[in-house]
């Protein structure tokens, strides 16, 4: 019989330590094959075995959550005393079993994780990233693809990326960049202006150009690169 299956979502690397500004962020996903029940469900985070450093509960907006869909992140305060030196935590979603899951799927509602002590705070770091051709962009006809990567230790919220063409300020373009887990990249596509399509040109790429994301390094968001028409690497 079809059933929802609410589970906590890990990072791309499998870790559940989704930290930012002293908070642990928990995302709930419906991993089942039916929508969740018509109600919100409770998510709990316990810090340390048995909740020795405290427990916090929050309502997750899982009401009618479709199969494969995810909730917005829930923020849980991380006790500073939990890092001694590392911090173990336990996540339980739909802790009252209100989503309509069958009994066989309830075993995966809980996950444990650990956040390791670090010399620097948990922060994202958005940067333009190189492609396999060692360039910061790829040309595909009249389009340019650029890649923005979060090389930090916390997930990055939504931001905007800007691309500028030397000698043509009117061709400046911006694109929305999605939330990125640590180590996660996103490719964005921009138009090449008409006056740059038949020869060499230089571009400047700026990640998070509005400075909306607090980063561990605010000085590495911007790079410049050049397209050379006869360079075999770009053909």
C-alpha atoms as a PDB file:
ATOM      1  CA  UNK A   1       0.000   0.000   0.000  1.00  0.00           C
ATOM      2  CA  UNK A   2       1.452   3.450  -0.888  1.00  0.00           C
ATOM      3  CA  UNK A   3       2.698   5.366   2.111  1.00  0.00           C
ATOM      4  CA  UNK A   4       4.683   8.539   2.906  1.00  0.00           C
ATOM      5  CA  UNK A   5       8.123   8.153   4.452  1.00  0.00           C
ATOM      6  CA  UNK A   6       9.479  11.207   6.263  1.00  0.00           C
ATOM      7  CA  UNK A   7      13.259  11.224   6.744  1.00  0.00           C
ATOM      8  CA  UNK A   8      15.936  13.804   7.642  1.00  0.00           C
ATOM      9  CA  UNK A   9      18.074  14.850   4.651  1.00  0.00           C
ATOM     10  CA  UNK A  10      21.891  14.697   4.838  1.00  0.00           C
ATOM     11  CA  UNK A  11      24.451  16.765   2.979  1.00  0.00           C
ATOM     12  CA  UNK A  12      25.727  15.487  -0.359  1.00  0.00           C
ATOM     13  CA  UNK A  13      28.622  13.874   1.556  1.00  0.00           C
ATOM     14  CA  UNK A  14      26.210  11.969   3.829  1.00  0.00           C
ATOM     15  CA  UNK A  15      26.748  14.138   6.914  1.00  0.00           C
ATOM     16  CA  UNK A  16      23.828  15.547   8.911  1.00  0.00           C
ATOM     17  CA  UNK A  17      25.989  18.355  10.363  1.00  0.00           C
ATOM     18  CA  UNK A  18      24.286  21.205   8.506  1.00  0.00           C
ATOM     19  CA  UNK A  19      25.618  24.121  10.591  1.00  0.00           C
ATOM     20  CA  UNK A  20      25.428  27.885  10.128  1.00  0.00           C
ATOM     21  CA  UNK A  21      25.832  30.710  12.681  1.00  0.00           C
ATOM     22  CA  UNK A  22      25.700  28.348  15.647  1.00  0.00           C
ATOM     23  CA  UNK A  23      22.542  26.598  14.449  1.00  0.00           C
ATOM     24  CA  UNK A  24      21.910  23.103  13.119  1.00  0.00           C
ATOM     25  CA  UNK A  25      19.584  23.075  10.100  1.00  0.00           C
ATOM     26  CA  UNK A  26      17.352  20.072   9.509  1.00  0.00           C
ATOM     27  CA  UNK A  27      15.528  19.406   6.233  1.00  0.00           C
ATOM     28  CA  UNK A  28      12.725  16.815   6.117  1.00  0.00           C
ATOM     29  CA  UNK A  29      12.001  14.870   2.926  1.00  0.00           C
ATOM     30  CA  UNK A  30       9.113  12.635   1.924  1.00  0.00           C
ATOM     31  CA  UNK A  31      10.982   9.571   0.668  1.00  0.00           C
ATOM     32  CA  UNK A  32       7.799   7.546   0.238  1.00  0.00           C
ATOM     33  CA  UNK A  33       5.347   6.983  -2.585  1.00  0.00           C
ATOM     34  CA  UNK A  34       2.309   8.879  -1.228  1.00  0.00           C
ATOM     35  CA  UNK A  35       1.711  12.403   0.138  1.00  0.00           C
ATOM     36  CA  UNK A  36       2.083  12.961   3.871  1.00  0.00           C
ATOM     37  CA  UNK A  37      -0.984  13.455   6.048  1.00  0.00           C
ATOM     38  CA  UNK A  38      -2.890  16.734   6.152  1.00  0.00           C
ATOM     39  CA  UNK A  39      -1.024  18.098   9.179  1.00  0.00           C
ATOM     40  CA  UNK A  40       2.340  19.433  10.274  1.00  0.00           C
ATOM     41  CA  UNK A  41       4.650  17.046  12.110  1.00  0.00           C
ATOM     42  CA  UNK A  42       7.088  17.453  14.962  1.00  0.00           C
ATOM     43  CA  UNK A  43      10.875  17.236  14.533  1.00  0.00           C
ATOM     44  CA  UNK A  44      13.182  16.862  17.531  1.00  0.00           C
ATOM     45  CA  UNK A  45      16.922  17.391  17.939  1.00  0.00           C
ATOM     46  CA  UNK A  46      18.620  16.055  21.072  1.00  0.00           C
ATOM     47  CA  UNK A  47      22.178  17.147  21.818  1.00  0.00           C
ATOM     48  CA  UNK A  48      24.391  14.454  23.295  1.00  0.00           C
ATOM     49  CA  UNK A  49      23.308  10.923  24.126  1.00  0.00           C
ATOM     50  CA  UNK A  50      20.073  11.057  26.076  1.00  0.00           C
ATOM     51  CA  UNK A  51      19.759  14.785  25.406  1.00  0.00           C
ATOM     52  CA  UNK A  52      22.350  15.602  28.064  1.00  0.00           C
ATOM     53  CA  UNK A  53      22.996  19.023  26.496  1.00  0.00           C
ATOM     54  CA  UNK A  54      19.352  19.742  25.799  1.00  0.00           C
ATOM     55  CA  UNK A  55      16.479  18.921  23.445  1.00  0.00           C
ATOM     56  CA  UNK A  56      14.516  21.155  21.088  1.00  0.00           C
ATOM     57  CA  UNK A  57      11.350  20.432  19.100  1.00  0.00           C
ATOM     58  CA  UNK A  58       9.887  22.280  16.101  1.00  0.00           C
ATOM     59  CA  UNK A  59       6.956  21.849  13.752  1.00  0.00           C
ATOM     60  CA  UNK A  60       7.963  20.890  10.212  1.00  0.00           C
ATOM     61  CA  UNK A  61       5.690  21.971   7.364  1.00  0.00           C
ATOM     62  CA  UNK A  62       5.070  18.438   6.061  1.00  0.00           C
ATOM     63  CA  UNK A  63       1.362  19.020   5.465  1.00  0.00           C
ATOM     64  CA  UNK A  64       0.475  17.093   2.270  1.00  0.00           C
ATOM     65  CA  UNK A  65       4.202  16.925   1.413  1.00  0.00           C
ATOM     66  CA  UNK A  66       4.455  15.222  -1.980  1.00  0.00           C
ATOM     67  CA  UNK A  67       6.709  12.212  -2.649  1.00  0.00           C
ATOM     68  CA  UNK A  68      10.268  13.438  -3.259  1.00  0.00           C
ATOM     69  CA  UNK A  69       9.560  16.928  -1.895  1.00  0.00           C
ATOM     70  CA  UNK A  70      11.502  18.600   0.929  1.00  0.00           C
ATOM     71  CA  UNK A  71      10.586  21.113   3.617  1.00  0.00           C
ATOM     72  CA  UNK A  72      12.285  24.401   4.302  1.00  0.00           C
ATOM     73  CA  UNK A  73      15.198  24.048   6.757  1.00  0.00           C
ATOM     74  CA  UNK A  74      14.410  24.094  10.488  1.00  0.00           C
ATOM     75  CA  UNK A  75      16.991  25.888  12.674  1.00  0.00           C
ATOM     76  CA  UNK A  76      17.971  24.379  16.038  1.00  0.00           C
ATOM     77  CA  UNK A  77      20.250  26.162  18.511  1.00  0.00           C
ATOM     78  CA  UNK A  78      23.504  24.279  19.095  1.00  0.00           C
ATOM     79  CA  UNK A  79      24.624  24.334  22.770  1.00  0.00           C
ATOM     80  CA  UNK A  80      28.206  25.587  23.004  1.00  0.00           C
ATOM     81  CA  UNK A  81      28.973  23.147  25.813  1.00  0.00           C
ATOM     82  CA  UNK A  82      28.156  20.299  23.430  1.00  0.00           C
ATOM     83  CA  UNK A  83      31.555  20.713  21.738  1.00  0.00           C
ATOM     84  CA  UNK A  84      33.829  18.847  24.107  1.00  0.00           C
ATOM     85  CA  UNK A  85      35.554  18.623  21.677  1.00  0.00           C
ATOM     86  CA  UNK A  86      32.921  17.219  19.269  1.00  0.00           C
ATOM     87  CA  UNK A  87      29.148  17.385  19.380  1.00  0.00           C
ATOM     88  CA  UNK A  88      26.856  14.392  18.904  1.00  0.00           C
ATOM     89  CA  UNK A  89      23.207  15.011  18.052  1.00  0.00           C
ATOM     90  CA  UNK A  90      20.119  12.937  17.292  1.00  0.00           C
ATOM     91  CA  UNK A  91      17.404  13.961  14.809  1.00  0.00           C
ATOM     92  CA  UNK A  92      13.904  12.462  14.914  1.00  0.00           C
ATOM     93  CA  UNK A  93      11.314  13.561  12.364  1.00  0.00           C
ATOM     94  CA  UNK A  94       7.570  12.930  12.702  1.00  0.00           C
ATOM     95  CA  UNK A  95       8.254  11.911  16.280  1.00  0.00           C
ATOM     96  CA  UNK A  96       4.534  11.376  17.004  1.00  0.00           C
ATOM     97  CA  UNK A  97       4.008   9.244  13.887  1.00  0.00           C
ATOM     98  CA  UNK A  98       1.389  11.604  12.440  1.00  0.00           C
ATOM     99  CA  UNK A  99       2.396  11.535   8.767  1.00  0.00           C
ATOM    100  CA  UNK A 100       0.507   8.341   7.852  1.00  0.00           C
ATOM    101  CA  UNK A 101       3.602   6.129   7.414  1.00  0.00           C
ATOM    102  CA  UNK A 102       3.169   2.382   7.639  1.00  0.00           C
ATOM    103  CA  UNK A 103       4.989   0.538  10.407  1.00  0.00           C
ATOM    104  CA  UNK A 104       7.745  -0.773   8.126  1.00  0.00           C
ATOM    105  CA  UNK A 105       8.951   2.735   7.251  1.00  0.00           C
ATOM    106  CA  UNK A 106       9.091   4.315  10.709  1.00  0.00           C
ATOM    107  CA  UNK A 107      12.509   2.865  11.548  1.00  0.00           C
ATOM    108  CA  UNK A 108      14.329   5.474   9.409  1.00  0.00           C
ATOM    109  CA  UNK A 109      12.767   8.574  11.011  1.00  0.00           C
ATOM    110  CA  UNK A 110      15.768   8.972  13.319  1.00  0.00           C
ATOM    111  CA  UNK A 111      19.391   9.690  12.453  1.00  0.00           C
ATOM    112  CA  UNK A 112      22.419  10.627  14.515  1.00  0.00           C
ATOM    113  CA  UNK A 113      25.262  12.880  13.496  1.00  0.00           C
ATOM    114  CA  UNK A 114      28.342  14.599  14.790  1.00  0.00           C
ATOM    115  CA  UNK A 115      29.793  18.058  14.301  1.00  0.00           C
ATOM    116  CA  UNK A 116      33.534  18.127  14.782  1.00  0.00           C
ATOM    117  CA  UNK A 117      35.275  20.916  16.645  1.00  0.00           C
ATOM    118  CA  UNK A 118      36.945  23.374  14.280  1.00  0.00           C
ATOM    119  CA  UNK A 119      39.314  26.288  14.720  1.00  0.00           C
ATOM    120  CA  UNK A 120      37.085  28.436  12.493  1.00  0.00           C
ATOM    121  CA  UNK A 121      33.317  28.927  12.719  1.00  0.00           C
ATOM    122  CA  UNK A 122      31.020  26.972  10.444  1.00  0.00           C
ATOM    123  CA  UNK A 123      30.495  29.265   7.470  1.00  0.00           C
ATOM    124  CA  UNK A 124      29.884  28.892   3.732  1.00  0.00           C
ATOM    125  CA  UNK A 125      32.327  30.177   1.095  1.00  0.00           C
ATOM    126  CA  UNK A 126      30.950  30.855  -2.378  1.00  0.00           C
ATOM    127  CA  UNK A 127      33.471  30.984  -5.226  1.00  0.00           C
ATOM    128  CA  UNK A 128      33.492  30.732  -9.033  1.00  0.00           C
ATOM    129  CA  UNK A 129      34.842  27.254  -9.789  1.00  0.00           C
ATOM    130  CA  UNK A 130      36.899  25.963 -12.717  1.00  0.00           C
ATOM    131  CA  UNK A 131      35.645  23.447 -15.262  1.00  0.00           C
ATOM    132  CA  UNK A 132      37.674  20.475 -16.500  1.00  0.00           C
ATOM    133  CA  UNK A 133      39.293  22.701 -19.145  1.00  0.00           C
ATOM    134  CA  UNK A 134      40.777  24.811 -16.311  1.00  0.00           C
ATOM    135  CA  UNK A 135      38.629  27.778 -17.348  1.00  0.00           C
ATOM    136  CA  UNK A 136      36.005  29.499 -15.217  1.00  0.00           C
ATOM    137  CA  UNK A 137      33.437  29.121 -17.983  1.00  0.00           C
ATOM    138  CA  UNK A 138      32.381  26.934 -20.881  1.00  0.00           C
ATOM    139  CA  UNK A 139      31.130  28.253 -24.210  1.00  0.00           C
ATOM    140  CA  UNK A 140      28.202  26.512 -25.868  1.00  0.00           C
ATOM    141  CA  UNK A 141      27.255  28.417 -29.021  1.00  0.00           C
ATOM    142  CA  UNK A 142      25.967  31.809 -27.904  1.00  0.00           C
ATOM    143  CA  UNK A 143      25.783  30.735 -24.264  1.00  0.00           C
ATOM    144  CA  UNK A 144      28.324  30.730 -21.435  1.00  0.00           C
ATOM    145  CA  UNK A 145      28.155  28.328 -18.530  1.00  0.00           C
ATOM    146  CA  UNK A 146      29.766  29.287 -15.224  1.00  0.00           C
ATOM    147  CA  UNK A 147      30.016  27.249 -12.057  1.00  0.00           C
ATOM    148  CA  UNK A 148      29.563  28.518  -8.492  1.00  0.00           C
ATOM    149  CA  UNK A 149      30.720  26.280  -5.660  1.00  0.00           C
ATOM    150  CA  UNK A 150      30.309  26.400  -1.893  1.00  0.00           C
ATOM    151  CA  UNK A 151      33.758  25.407  -0.637  1.00  0.00           C
ATOM    152  CA  UNK A 152      32.914  26.293   2.973  1.00  0.00           C
ATOM    153  CA  UNK A 153      31.885  24.248   6.005  1.00  0.00           C
ATOM    154  CA  UNK A 154      28.194  25.288   6.207  1.00  0.00           C
ATOM    155  CA  UNK A 155      25.398  25.442   3.675  1.00  0.00           C
ATOM    156  CA  UNK A 156      24.947  28.702   1.823  1.00  0.00           C
ATOM    157  CA  UNK A 157      21.587  30.398   1.447  1.00  0.00           C
ATOM    158  CA  UNK A 158      20.245  31.667  -1.854  1.00  0.00           C
ATOM    159  CA  UNK A 159      22.397  34.282  -3.585  1.00  0.00           C
ATOM    160  CA  UNK A 160      22.916  35.957  -6.948  1.00  0.00           C
ATOM    161  CA  UNK A 161      25.788  35.584  -9.413  1.00  0.00           C
ATOM    162  CA  UNK A 162      26.847  38.399 -11.765  1.00  0.00           C
ATOM    163  CA  UNK A 163      28.748  38.157 -15.039  1.00  0.00           C
ATOM    164  CA  UNK A 164      30.257  41.228 -16.757  1.00  0.00           C
ATOM    165  CA  UNK A 165      31.734  41.558 -20.253  1.00  0.00           C
ATOM    166  CA  UNK A 166      34.706  43.917 -20.650  1.00  0.00           C
ATOM    167  CA  UNK A 167      33.857  46.899 -22.856  1.00  0.00           C
ATOM    168  CA  UNK A 168      30.096  46.308 -22.729  1.00  0.00           C
ATOM    169  CA  UNK A 169      28.537  47.350 -19.389  1.00  0.00           C
ATOM    170  CA  UNK A 170      25.051  46.950 -20.862  1.00  0.00           C
ATOM    171  CA  UNK A 171      25.653  43.200 -21.227  1.00  0.00           C
ATOM    172  CA  UNK A 172      25.965  42.656 -17.453  1.00  0.00           C
ATOM    173  CA  UNK A 173      23.720  39.776 -16.338  1.00  0.00           C
ATOM    174  CA  UNK A 174      22.679  38.237 -13.028  1.00  0.00           C
ATOM    175  CA  UNK A 175      21.264  34.830 -12.158  1.00  0.00           C
ATOM    176  CA  UNK A 176      19.782  33.389  -8.993  1.00  0.00           C
ATOM    177  CA  UNK A 177      21.968  30.780  -7.288  1.00  0.00           C
ATOM    178  CA  UNK A 178      20.251  28.115  -5.214  1.00  0.00           C
ATOM    179  CA  UNK A 179      21.112  27.064  -1.649  1.00  0.00           C
ATOM    180  CA  UNK A 180      24.322  25.041  -1.739  1.00  0.00           C
ATOM    181  CA  UNK A 181      25.587  22.382   0.647  1.00  0.00           C
ATOM    182  CA  UNK A 182      29.310  22.361   1.505  1.00  0.00           C
ATOM    183  CA  UNK A 183      31.180  21.125  -1.558  1.00  0.00           C
ATOM    184  CA  UNK A 184      28.138  21.471  -3.832  1.00  0.00           C
ATOM    185  CA  UNK A 185      28.413  23.332  -7.180  1.00  0.00           C
ATOM    186  CA  UNK A 186      25.743  24.793  -9.438  1.00  0.00           C
ATOM    187  CA  UNK A 187      26.077  25.565 -13.146  1.00  0.00           C
ATOM    188  CA  UNK A 188      24.483  28.755 -14.453  1.00  0.00           C
ATOM    189  CA  UNK A 189      23.941  29.759 -18.086  1.00  0.00           C
ATOM    190  CA  UNK A 190      24.337  33.298 -19.469  1.00  0.00           C
ATOM    191  CA  UNK A 191      23.908  34.868 -22.915  1.00  0.00           C
ATOM    192  CA  UNK A 192      26.921  36.057 -24.899  1.00  0.00           C
ATOM    193  CA  UNK A 193      26.159  39.561 -26.228  1.00  0.00           C
ATOM    194  CA  UNK A 194      26.076  40.024 -30.009  1.00  0.00           C
ATOM    195  CA  UNK A 195      29.244  42.168 -30.104  1.00  0.00           C
ATOM    196  CA  UNK A 196      31.250  39.409 -28.339  1.00  0.00           C
ATOM    197  CA  UNK A 197      30.164  36.393 -30.379  1.00  0.00           C
ATOM    198  CA  UNK A 198      32.719  36.713 -33.201  1.00  0.00           C
ATOM    199  CA  UNK A 199      36.006  37.181 -31.336  1.00  0.00           C
ATOM    200  CA  UNK A 200      37.955  37.223 -28.104  1.00  0.00           C
ATOM    201  CA  UNK A 201      36.453  38.687 -24.963  1.00  0.00           C
ATOM    202  CA  UNK A 202      37.099  38.952 -21.227  1.00  0.00           C
ATOM    203  CA  UNK A 203      34.561  38.380 -18.481  1.00  0.00           C
ATOM    204  CA  UNK A 204      34.321  38.917 -14.743  1.00  0.00           C
ATOM    205  CA  UNK A 205      32.312  36.497 -12.579  1.00  0.00           C
ATOM    206  CA  UNK A 206      31.157  37.503  -9.100  1.00  0.00           C
ATOM    207  CA  UNK A 207      29.498  35.055  -6.724  1.00  0.00           C
ATOM    208  CA  UNK A 208      27.058  36.498  -4.166  1.00  0.00           C
ATOM    209  CA  UNK A 209      27.558  39.960  -5.650  1.00  0.00           C
ATOM    210  CA  UNK A 210      24.881  41.401  -3.323  1.00  0.00           C
ATOM    211  CA  UNK A 211      26.783  40.112  -0.243  1.00  0.00           C
ATOM    212  CA  UNK A 212      23.687  38.378   1.100  1.00  0.00           C
ATOM    213  CA  UNK A 213      25.628  35.357   2.416  1.00  0.00           C
ATOM    214  CA  UNK A 214      27.970  35.675   5.390  1.00  0.00           C
ATOM    215  CA  UNK A 215      31.099  33.788   4.317  1.00  0.00           C
ATOM    216  CA  UNK A 216      34.367  32.631   5.834  1.00  0.00           C
ATOM    217  CA  UNK A 217      36.190  34.517   3.065  1.00  0.00           C
ATOM    218  CA  UNK A 218      34.549  37.553   1.467  1.00  0.00           C
ATOM    219  CA  UNK A 219      37.555  38.311  -0.766  1.00  0.00           C
ATOM    220  CA  UNK A 220      37.417  35.340  -3.155  1.00  0.00           C
ATOM    221  CA  UNK A 221      33.999  35.848  -4.755  1.00  0.00           C
ATOM    222  CA  UNK A 222      35.329  37.476  -7.921  1.00  0.00           C
ATOM    223  CA  UNK A 223      37.451  36.131 -10.804  1.00  0.00           C
ATOM    224  CA  UNK A 224      38.308  37.231 -14.341  1.00  0.00           C
ATOM    225  CA  UNK A 225      38.805  34.980 -17.349  1.00  0.00           C
ATOM    226  CA  UNK A 226      39.257  35.364 -21.098  1.00  0.00           C
ATOM    227  CA  UNK A 227      37.824  33.571 -24.089  1.00  0.00           C
ATOM    228  CA  UNK A 228      40.252  33.249 -27.000  1.00  0.00           C
ATOM    229  CA  UNK A 229      38.480  32.210 -30.202  1.00  0.00           C
ATOM    230  CA  UNK A 230      41.338  30.149 -31.604  1.00  0.00           C
ATOM    231  CA  UNK A 231      42.261  28.432 -28.350  1.00  0.00           C
ATOM    232  CA  UNK A 232      41.628  24.707 -28.930  1.00  0.00           C
ATOM    233  CA  UNK A 233      40.603  24.305 -25.298  1.00  0.00           C
ATOM    234  CA  UNK A 234      37.396  26.204 -26.059  1.00  0.00           C
ATOM    235  CA  UNK A 235      36.471  24.563 -29.368  1.00  0.00           C
END
